[in-house]
Amino acid sequence: MVTAYWNGAIIAQSDETVVVEGNHYFPRDAVRDDYLQDSATTSVCGWKGTARYHSLVVYGKTNPDAAWYYPEPEEAAREITDRIAFWKGVVVT
């Protein structure tokens, strides 16, 4: 079981993550919605496409843009469709 933790809370947990470039992409339904806050931030990867971000809000603390996903990944990255990855202090074990 792969688990993502931040600020003392389990953010996501799944046996079905996909690892791309060292990052675990969790199935969308394995991530706690109540900890996600939409962000206007985007970034572009040449082979994955345009990423969108969520901030994490846990126990009154915010971790801006700590989760990302590709709403319409390029063909080469189709395996991460409907999946979310984490960074910025989120521990994935």
PDB file of N, CA and C in Angstrom:
ATOM      1  N   MET A   1       0.850  -1.181   0.000  1.00  0.00           N
ATOM      2  CA  MET A   1       0.000   0.000   0.000  1.00  0.00           C
ATOM      3  C   MET A   1       0.892   1.239   0.000  1.00  0.00           C
ATOM      4  N   VAL A   2       0.676   2.129  -0.938  1.00  0.00           N
ATOM      5  CA  VAL A   2       1.411   3.394  -1.004  1.00  0.00           C
ATOM      6  C   VAL A   2       0.546   4.457  -0.332  1.00  0.00           C
ATOM      7  N   THR A   3       1.160   5.253   0.538  1.00  0.00           N
ATOM      8  CA  THR A   3       0.429   6.260   1.310  1.00  0.00           C
ATOM      9  C   THR A   3       1.113   7.613   1.180  1.00  0.00           C
ATOM     10  N   ALA A   4       0.299   8.675   1.040  1.00  0.00           N
ATOM     11  CA  ALA A   4       0.800  10.045   1.021  1.00  0.00           C
ATOM     12  C   ALA A   4       0.342  10.731   2.305  1.00  0.00           C
ATOM     13  N   TYR A   5       1.301  11.328   3.052  1.00  0.00           N
ATOM     14  CA  TYR A   5       1.030  11.999   4.325  1.00  0.00           C
ATOM     15  C   TYR A   5       1.460  13.458   4.241  1.00  0.00           C
ATOM     16  N   TRP A   6       0.712  14.306   4.924  1.00  0.00           N
ATOM     17  CA  TRP A   6       1.159  15.683   5.132  1.00  0.00           C
ATOM     18  C   TRP A   6       0.463  16.254   6.360  1.00  0.00           C
ATOM     19  N   ASN A   7       1.198  16.969   7.167  1.00  0.00           N
ATOM     20  CA  ASN A   7       0.687  17.630   8.365  1.00  0.00           C
ATOM     21  C   ASN A   7      -0.104  16.678   9.271  1.00  0.00           C
ATOM     22  N   GLY A   8       0.406  15.454   9.410  1.00  0.00           N
ATOM     23  CA  GLY A   8      -0.204  14.496  10.319  1.00  0.00           C
ATOM     24  C   GLY A   8      -1.429  13.773   9.795  1.00  0.00           C
ATOM     25  N   ALA A   9      -1.718  13.928   8.510  1.00  0.00           N
ATOM     26  CA  ALA A   9      -2.915  13.290   7.941  1.00  0.00           C
ATOM     27  C   ALA A   9      -2.556  12.443   6.725  1.00  0.00           C
ATOM     28  N   ILE A  10      -3.316  11.390   6.537  1.00  0.00           N
ATOM     29  CA  ILE A  10      -3.198  10.588   5.315  1.00  0.00           C
ATOM     30  C   ILE A  10      -3.988  11.315   4.231  1.00  0.00           C
ATOM     31  N   ILE A  11      -3.299  11.695   3.167  1.00  0.00           N
ATOM     32  CA  ILE A  11      -3.904  12.422   2.049  1.00  0.00           C
ATOM     33  C   ILE A  11      -4.435  11.452   1.004  1.00  0.00           C
ATOM     34  N   ALA A  12      -3.678  10.377   0.765  1.00  0.00           N
ATOM     35  CA  ALA A  12      -4.059   9.388  -0.255  1.00  0.00           C
ATOM     36  C   ALA A  12      -3.464   8.039   0.111  1.00  0.00           C
ATOM     37  N   GLN A  13      -4.144   6.973  -0.357  1.00  0.00           N
ATOM     38  CA  GLN A  13      -3.673   5.617  -0.091  1.00  0.00           C
ATOM     39  C   GLN A  13      -4.174   4.706  -1.197  1.00  0.00           C
ATOM     40  N   SER A  14      -3.255   3.898  -1.771  1.00  0.00           N
ATOM     41  CA  SER A  14      -3.664   3.002  -2.848  1.00  0.00           C
ATOM     42  C   SER A  14      -2.601   1.938  -3.118  1.00  0.00           C
ATOM     43  N   ASP A  15      -3.056   0.793  -3.595  1.00  0.00           N
ATOM     44  CA  ASP A  15      -2.168  -0.257  -4.101  1.00  0.00           C
ATOM     45  C   ASP A  15      -1.982  -0.127  -5.598  1.00  0.00           C
ATOM     46  N   GLU A  16      -2.600   0.878  -6.200  1.00  0.00           N
ATOM     47  CA  GLU A  16      -2.605   0.985  -7.663  1.00  0.00           C
ATOM     48  C   GLU A  16      -2.057   2.325  -8.153  1.00  0.00           C
ATOM     49  N   THR A  17      -0.919   2.760  -7.590  1.00  0.00           N
ATOM     50  CA  THR A  17      -0.303   3.978  -8.088  1.00  0.00           C
ATOM     51  C   THR A  17       0.460   3.676  -9.377  1.00  0.00           C
ATOM     52  N   VAL A  18       0.676   4.715 -10.167  1.00  0.00           N
ATOM     53  CA  VAL A  18       1.500   4.627 -11.371  1.00  0.00           C
ATOM     54  C   VAL A  18       2.697   5.535 -11.126  1.00  0.00           C
ATOM     55  N   VAL A  19       3.903   5.007 -11.295  1.00  0.00           N
ATOM     56  CA  VAL A  19       5.107   5.795 -11.052  1.00  0.00           C
ATOM     57  C   VAL A  19       5.632   6.335 -12.377  1.00  0.00           C
ATOM     58  N   VAL A  20       5.739   7.663 -12.442  1.00  0.00           N
ATOM     59  CA  VAL A  20       6.280   8.349 -13.618  1.00  0.00           C
ATOM     60  C   VAL A  20       7.304   9.347 -13.114  1.00  0.00           C
ATOM     61  N   GLU A  21       8.517   9.254 -13.632  1.00  0.00           N
ATOM     62  CA  GLU A  21       9.608  10.146 -13.253  1.00  0.00           C
ATOM     63  C   GLU A  21       9.793  10.199 -11.734  1.00  0.00           C
ATOM     64  N   GLY A  22       9.640   9.057 -11.077  1.00  0.00           N
ATOM     65  CA  GLY A  22       9.841   8.954  -9.631  1.00  0.00           C
ATOM     66  C   GLY A  22       8.679   9.414  -8.774  1.00  0.00           C
ATOM     67  N   ASN A  23       7.593   9.861  -9.388  1.00  0.00           N
ATOM     68  CA  ASN A  23       6.419  10.320  -8.648  1.00  0.00           C
ATOM     69  C   ASN A  23       5.301   9.287  -8.709  1.00  0.00           C
ATOM     70  N   HIS A  24       4.685   9.020  -7.562  1.00  0.00           N
ATOM     71  CA  HIS A  24       3.527   8.129  -7.509  1.00  0.00           C
ATOM     72  C   HIS A  24       2.282   8.931  -7.861  1.00  0.00           C
ATOM     73  N   TYR A  25       1.585   8.509  -8.887  1.00  0.00           N
ATOM     74  CA  TYR A  25       0.301   9.102  -9.261  1.00  0.00           C
ATOM     75  C   TYR A  25      -0.798   8.206  -8.706  1.00  0.00           C
ATOM     76  N   PHE A  26      -1.575   8.766  -7.784  1.00  0.00           N
ATOM     77  CA  PHE A  26      -2.642   8.028  -7.118  1.00  0.00           C
ATOM     78  C   PHE A  26      -3.928   8.114  -7.936  1.00  0.00           C
ATOM     79  N   PRO A  27      -4.712   7.024  -7.955  1.00  0.00           N
ATOM     80  CA  PRO A  27      -6.034   7.126  -8.586  1.00  0.00           C
ATOM     81  C   PRO A  27      -6.833   8.241  -7.900  1.00  0.00           C
ATOM     82  N   ARG A  28      -7.583   8.984  -8.665  1.00  0.00           N
ATOM     83  CA  ARG A  28      -8.338  10.127  -8.134  1.00  0.00           C
ATOM     84  C   ARG A  28      -9.222   9.735  -6.951  1.00  0.00           C
ATOM     85  N   ASP A  29      -9.838   8.564  -7.028  1.00  0.00           N
ATOM     86  CA  ASP A  29     -10.747   8.161  -5.951  1.00  0.00           C
ATOM     87  C   ASP A  29     -10.015   7.676  -4.691  1.00  0.00           C
ATOM     88  N   ALA A  30      -8.682   7.630  -4.724  1.00  0.00           N
ATOM     89  CA  ALA A  30      -7.896   7.246  -3.546  1.00  0.00           C
ATOM     90  C   ALA A  30      -7.422   8.462  -2.761  1.00  0.00           C
ATOM     91  N   VAL A  31      -7.736   9.663  -3.252  1.00  0.00           N
ATOM     92  CA  VAL A  31      -7.278  10.911  -2.640  1.00  0.00           C
ATOM     93  C   VAL A  31      -8.429  11.552  -1.866  1.00  0.00           C
ATOM     94  N   ARG A  32      -8.147  12.034  -0.657  1.00  0.00           N
ATOM     95  CA  ARG A  32      -9.166  12.677   0.182  1.00  0.00           C
ATOM     96  C   ARG A  32      -9.558  14.036  -0.401  1.00  0.00           C
ATOM     97  N   ASP A  33     -10.765  14.133  -0.921  1.00  0.00           N
ATOM     98  CA  ASP A  33     -11.279  15.383  -1.499  1.00  0.00           C
ATOM     99  C   ASP A  33     -11.317  16.521  -0.496  1.00  0.00           C
ATOM    100  N   ASP A  34     -11.608  16.203   0.759  1.00  0.00           N
ATOM    101  CA  ASP A  34     -11.771  17.256   1.761  1.00  0.00           C
ATOM    102  C   ASP A  34     -10.462  17.984   2.084  1.00  0.00           C
ATOM    103  N   TYR A  35      -9.325  17.457   1.647  1.00  0.00           N
ATOM    104  CA  TYR A  35      -8.050  18.127   1.846  1.00  0.00           C
ATOM    105  C   TYR A  35      -7.588  18.919   0.623  1.00  0.00           C
ATOM    106  N   LEU A  36      -8.300  18.811  -0.482  1.00  0.00           N
ATOM    107  CA  LEU A  36      -7.894  19.473  -1.724  1.00  0.00           C
ATOM    108  C   LEU A  36      -8.621  20.795  -1.915  1.00  0.00           C
ATOM    109  N   GLN A  37      -7.866  21.791  -2.363  1.00  0.00           N
ATOM    110  CA  GLN A  37      -8.432  23.093  -2.696  1.00  0.00           C
ATOM    111  C   GLN A  37      -7.932  23.448  -4.099  1.00  0.00           C
ATOM    112  N   ASP A  38      -8.842  23.791  -4.997  1.00  0.00           N
ATOM    113  CA  ASP A  38      -8.450  24.131  -6.361  1.00  0.00           C
ATOM    114  C   ASP A  38      -7.478  25.297  -6.377  1.00  0.00           C
ATOM    115  N   SER A  39      -6.579  25.279  -7.336  1.00  0.00           N
ATOM    116  CA  SER A  39      -5.599  26.331  -7.530  1.00  0.00           C
ATOM    117  C   SER A  39      -5.662  26.784  -8.990  1.00  0.00           C
ATOM    118  N   ALA A  40      -5.305  28.019  -9.241  1.00  0.00           N
ATOM    119  CA  ALA A  40      -5.268  28.536 -10.612  1.00  0.00           C
ATOM    120  C   ALA A  40      -3.935  28.237 -11.294  1.00  0.00           C
ATOM    121  N   THR A  41      -2.992  27.644 -10.561  1.00  0.00           N
ATOM    122  CA  THR A  41      -1.661  27.375 -11.094  1.00  0.00           C
ATOM    123  C   THR A  41      -1.694  26.289 -12.165  1.00  0.00           C
ATOM    124  N   THR A  42      -0.912  26.508 -13.223  1.00  0.00           N
ATOM    125  CA  THR A  42      -0.708  25.496 -14.264  1.00  0.00           C
ATOM    126  C   THR A  42       0.775  25.450 -14.604  1.00  0.00           C
ATOM    127  N   SER A  43       1.183  24.361 -15.211  1.00  0.00           N
ATOM    128  CA  SER A  43       2.535  24.244 -15.761  1.00  0.00           C
ATOM    129  C   SER A  43       2.447  23.327 -16.975  1.00  0.00           C
ATOM    130  N   VAL A  44       3.468  23.361 -17.809  1.00  0.00           N
ATOM    131  CA  VAL A  44       3.443  22.561 -19.031  1.00  0.00           C
ATOM    132  C   VAL A  44       4.656  21.650 -19.075  1.00  0.00           C
ATOM    133  N   CYS A  45       4.403  20.383 -19.358  1.00  0.00           N
ATOM    134  CA  CYS A  45       5.452  19.387 -19.586  1.00  0.00           C
ATOM    135  C   CYS A  45       5.385  19.022 -21.062  1.00  0.00           C
ATOM    136  N   GLY A  46       6.515  18.977 -21.720  1.00  0.00           N
ATOM    137  CA  GLY A  46       6.557  18.708 -23.150  1.00  0.00           C
ATOM    138  C   GLY A  46       5.946  17.386 -23.578  1.00  0.00           C
ATOM    139  N   TRP A  47       5.999  16.367 -22.713  1.00  0.00           N
ATOM    140  CA  TRP A  47       5.449  15.076 -23.138  1.00  0.00           C
ATOM    141  C   TRP A  47       4.195  14.658 -22.371  1.00  0.00           C
ATOM    142  N   LYS A  48       3.914  15.315 -21.223  1.00  0.00           N
ATOM    143  CA  LYS A  48       2.699  14.969 -20.466  1.00  0.00           C
ATOM    144  C   LYS A  48       1.550  15.935 -20.731  1.00  0.00           C
ATOM    145  N   GLY A  49       1.854  17.196 -21.041  1.00  0.00           N
ATOM    146  CA  GLY A  49       0.807  18.174 -21.312  1.00  0.00           C
ATOM    147  C   GLY A  49       0.745  19.248 -20.236  1.00  0.00           C
ATOM    148  N   THR A  50      -0.428  19.830 -20.051  1.00  0.00           N
ATOM    149  CA  THR A  50      -0.630  20.909 -19.092  1.00  0.00           C
ATOM    150  C   THR A  50      -1.132  20.356 -17.765  1.00  0.00           C
ATOM    151  N   ALA A  51      -0.386  20.663 -16.703  1.00  0.00           N
ATOM    152  CA  ALA A  51      -0.757  20.218 -15.359  1.00  0.00           C
ATOM    153  C   ALA A  51      -1.566  21.306 -14.670  1.00  0.00           C
ATOM    154  N   ARG A  52      -2.506  20.875 -13.858  1.00  0.00           N
ATOM    155  CA  ARG A  52      -3.277  21.751 -12.969  1.00  0.00           C
ATOM    156  C   ARG A  52      -2.902  21.364 -11.544  1.00  0.00           C
ATOM    157  N   TYR A  53      -3.150  22.253 -10.599  1.00  0.00           N
ATOM    158  CA  TYR A  53      -2.720  22.038  -9.224  1.00  0.00           C
ATOM    159  C   TYR A  53      -3.860  22.163  -8.221  1.00  0.00           C
ATOM    160  N   HIS A  54      -3.642  21.525  -7.071  1.00  0.00           N
ATOM    161  CA  HIS A  54      -4.481  21.685  -5.890  1.00  0.00           C
ATOM    162  C   HIS A  54      -3.555  22.079  -4.745  1.00  0.00           C
ATOM    163  N   SER A  55      -4.035  22.911  -3.861  1.00  0.00           N
ATOM    164  CA  SER A  55      -3.355  23.135  -2.589  1.00  0.00           C
ATOM    165  C   SER A  55      -3.939  22.148  -1.587  1.00  0.00           C
ATOM    166  N   LEU A  56      -3.143  21.792  -0.595  1.00  0.00           N
ATOM    167  CA  LEU A  56      -3.628  20.932   0.481  1.00  0.00           C
ATOM    168  C   LEU A  56      -3.977  21.801   1.673  1.00  0.00           C
ATOM    169  N   VAL A  57      -5.122  21.557   2.270  1.00  0.00           N
ATOM    170  CA  VAL A  57      -5.531  22.252   3.483  1.00  0.00           C
ATOM    171  C   VAL A  57      -5.858  21.176   4.510  1.00  0.00           C
ATOM    172  N   VAL A  58      -4.989  21.095   5.533  1.00  0.00           N
ATOM    173  CA  VAL A  58      -5.105  20.043   6.544  1.00  0.00           C
ATOM    174  C   VAL A  58      -4.917  20.657   7.921  1.00  0.00           C
ATOM    175  N   TYR A  59      -5.905  20.460   8.784  1.00  0.00           N
ATOM    176  CA  TYR A  59      -5.833  20.948  10.164  1.00  0.00           C
ATOM    177  C   TYR A  59      -5.446  22.426  10.234  1.00  0.00           C
ATOM    178  N   GLY A  60      -6.031  23.221   9.354  1.00  0.00           N
ATOM    179  CA  GLY A  60      -5.815  24.660   9.376  1.00  0.00           C
ATOM    180  C   GLY A  60      -4.550  25.152   8.706  1.00  0.00           C
ATOM    181  N   LYS A  61      -3.730  24.258   8.181  1.00  0.00           N
ATOM    182  CA  LYS A  61      -2.509  24.661   7.480  1.00  0.00           C
ATOM    183  C   LYS A  61      -2.681  24.410   5.988  1.00  0.00           C
ATOM    184  N   THR A  62      -2.093  25.298   5.184  1.00  0.00           N
ATOM    185  CA  THR A  62      -2.190  25.192   3.729  1.00  0.00           C
ATOM    186  C   THR A  62      -0.812  24.945   3.129  1.00  0.00           C
ATOM    187  N   ASN A  63      -0.751  24.016   2.201  1.00  0.00           N
ATOM    188  CA  ASN A  63       0.454  23.720   1.438  1.00  0.00           C
ATOM    189  C   ASN A  63       0.110  24.046  -0.020  1.00  0.00           C
ATOM    190  N   PRO A  64       0.456  25.257  -0.475  1.00  0.00           N
ATOM    191  CA  PRO A  64       0.038  25.702  -1.813  1.00  0.00           C
ATOM    192  C   PRO A  64       0.596  24.830  -2.937  1.00  0.00           C
ATOM    193  N   ASP A  65      -0.297  24.475  -3.848  1.00  0.00           N
ATOM    194  CA  ASP A  65       0.083  23.756  -5.079  1.00  0.00           C
ATOM    195  C   ASP A  65       0.875  22.476  -4.814  1.00  0.00           C
ATOM    196  N   ALA A  66       0.542  21.756  -3.756  1.00  0.00           N
ATOM    197  CA  ALA A  66       1.284  20.550  -3.364  1.00  0.00           C
ATOM    198  C   ALA A  66       0.840  19.296  -4.107  1.00  0.00           C
ATOM    199  N   ALA A  67      -0.248  19.393  -4.859  1.00  0.00           N
ATOM    200  CA  ALA A  67      -0.742  18.240  -5.633  1.00  0.00           C
ATOM    201  C   ALA A  67      -0.948  18.687  -7.072  1.00  0.00           C
ATOM    202  N   TRP A  68      -0.638  17.794  -8.005  1.00  0.00           N
ATOM    203  CA  TRP A  68      -0.869  18.144  -9.407  1.00  0.00           C
ATOM    204  C   TRP A  68      -1.462  16.973 -10.168  1.00  0.00           C
ATOM    205  N   TYR A  69      -2.086  17.305 -11.285  1.00  0.00           N
ATOM    206  CA  TYR A  69      -2.702  16.301 -12.145  1.00  0.00           C
ATOM    207  C   TYR A  69      -2.763  16.846 -13.566  1.00  0.00           C
ATOM    208  N   TYR A  70      -2.963  15.950 -14.502  1.00  0.00           N
ATOM    209  CA  TYR A  70      -3.080  16.315 -15.913  1.00  0.00           C
ATOM    210  C   TYR A  70      -4.496  15.993 -16.366  1.00  0.00           C
ATOM    211  N   PRO A  71      -5.351  17.012 -16.507  1.00  0.00           N
ATOM    212  CA  PRO A  71      -6.742  16.738 -16.876  1.00  0.00           C
ATOM    213  C   PRO A  71      -6.883  16.107 -18.262  1.00  0.00           C
ATOM    214  N   GLU A  72      -5.977  16.450 -19.169  1.00  0.00           N
ATOM    215  CA  GLU A  72      -5.988  15.873 -20.518  1.00  0.00           C
ATOM    216  C   GLU A  72      -4.549  15.580 -20.931  1.00  0.00           C
ATOM    217  N   PRO A  73      -3.962  14.517 -20.375  1.00  0.00           N
ATOM    218  CA  PRO A  73      -2.557  14.235 -20.679  1.00  0.00           C
ATOM    219  C   PRO A  73      -2.353  13.875 -22.157  1.00  0.00           C
ATOM    220  N   GLU A  74      -1.149  14.150 -22.629  1.00  0.00           N
ATOM    221  CA  GLU A  74      -0.777  13.768 -23.994  1.00  0.00           C
ATOM    222  C   GLU A  74      -0.810  12.237 -24.110  1.00  0.00           C
ATOM    223  N   GLU A  75      -0.848  11.756 -25.325  1.00  0.00           N
ATOM    224  CA  GLU A  75      -0.946  10.312 -25.585  1.00  0.00           C
ATOM    225  C   GLU A  75       0.143   9.518 -24.855  1.00  0.00           C
ATOM    226  N   ALA A  76       1.357  10.030 -24.817  1.00  0.00           N
ATOM    227  CA  ALA A  76       2.473   9.325 -24.171  1.00  0.00           C
ATOM    228  C   ALA A  76       2.279   9.171 -22.666  1.00  0.00           C
ATOM    229  N   ALA A  77       1.384   9.967 -22.087  1.00  0.00           N
ATOM    230  CA  ALA A  77       1.166   9.944 -20.632  1.00  0.00           C
ATOM    231  C   ALA A  77      -0.252   9.518 -20.263  1.00  0.00           C
ATOM    232  N   ARG A  78      -0.935   8.832 -21.128  1.00  0.00           N
ATOM    233  CA  ARG A  78      -2.327   8.437 -20.873  1.00  0.00           C
ATOM    234  C   ARG A  78      -2.489   7.638 -19.580  1.00  0.00           C
ATOM    235  N   GLU A  79      -1.440   6.957 -19.137  1.00  0.00           N
ATOM    236  CA  GLU A  79      -1.537   6.133 -17.929  1.00  0.00           C
ATOM    237  C   GLU A  79      -1.771   6.960 -16.665  1.00  0.00           C
ATOM    238  N   ILE A  80      -1.565   8.288 -16.722  1.00  0.00           N
ATOM    239  CA  ILE A  80      -1.809   9.119 -15.539  1.00  0.00           C
ATOM    240  C   ILE A  80      -3.133   9.878 -15.619  1.00  0.00           C
ATOM    241  N   THR A  81      -3.972   9.511 -16.549  1.00  0.00           N
ATOM    242  CA  THR A  81      -5.306  10.109 -16.625  1.00  0.00           C
ATOM    243  C   THR A  81      -6.061   9.814 -15.334  1.00  0.00           C
ATOM    244  N   ASP A  82      -6.736  10.821 -14.783  1.00  0.00           N
ATOM    245  CA  ASP A  82      -7.506  10.698 -13.533  1.00  0.00           C
ATOM    246  C   ASP A  82      -6.642  10.286 -12.342  1.00  0.00           C
ATOM    247  N   ARG A  83      -5.405  10.793 -12.304  1.00  0.00           N
ATOM    248  CA  ARG A  83      -4.491  10.499 -11.200  1.00  0.00           C
ATOM    249  C   ARG A  83      -3.861  11.779 -10.679  1.00  0.00           C
ATOM    250  N   ILE A  84      -3.477  11.764  -9.400  1.00  0.00           N
ATOM    251  CA  ILE A  84      -2.898  12.930  -8.733  1.00  0.00           C
ATOM    252  C   ILE A  84      -1.567  12.536  -8.089  1.00  0.00           C
ATOM    253  N   ALA A  85      -0.575  13.426  -8.205  1.00  0.00           N
ATOM    254  CA  ALA A  85       0.737  13.227  -7.572  1.00  0.00           C
ATOM    255  C   ALA A  85       0.976  14.379  -6.581  1.00  0.00           C
ATOM    256  N   PHE A  86       1.996  14.199  -5.732  1.00  0.00           N
ATOM    257  CA  PHE A  86       2.257  15.162  -4.661  1.00  0.00           C
ATOM    258  C   PHE A  86       3.743  15.525  -4.591  1.00  0.00           C
ATOM    259  N   TRP A  87       4.009  16.678  -3.985  1.00  0.00           N
ATOM    260  CA  TRP A  87       5.370  17.137  -3.704  1.00  0.00           C
ATOM    261  C   TRP A  87       5.280  18.173  -2.594  1.00  0.00           C
ATOM    262  N   LYS A  88       6.303  19.019  -2.446  1.00  0.00           N
ATOM    263  CA  LYS A  88       6.314  20.109  -1.455  1.00  0.00           C
ATOM    264  C   LYS A  88       6.098  19.625  -0.027  1.00  0.00           C
ATOM    265  N   GLY A  89       6.876  18.612   0.374  1.00  0.00           N
ATOM    266  CA  GLY A  89       6.792  18.152   1.746  1.00  0.00           C
ATOM    267  C   GLY A  89       5.810  17.023   2.008  1.00  0.00           C
ATOM    268  N   VAL A  90       5.050  16.640   1.007  1.00  0.00           N
ATOM    269  CA  VAL A  90       4.145  15.485   1.173  1.00  0.00           C
ATOM    270  C   VAL A  90       5.023  14.239   1.122  1.00  0.00           C
ATOM    271  N   VAL A  91       4.927  13.403   2.143  1.00  0.00           N
ATOM    272  CA  VAL A  91       5.733  12.195   2.231  1.00  0.00           C
ATOM    273  C   VAL A  91       4.945  11.039   1.624  1.00  0.00           C
ATOM    274  N   VAL A  92       5.570  10.357   0.679  1.00  0.00           N
ATOM    275  CA  VAL A  92       4.941   9.206   0.033  1.00  0.00           C
ATOM    276  C   VAL A  92       5.768   7.979   0.360  1.00  0.00           C
ATOM    277  N   THR A  93       5.127   6.998   1.032  1.00  0.00           N
ATOM    278  CA  THR A  93       5.846   5.777   1.432  1.00  0.00           C
ATOM    279  C   THR A  93       5.099   4.553   0.959  1.00  0.00           C
TER     280      THR A  93
END
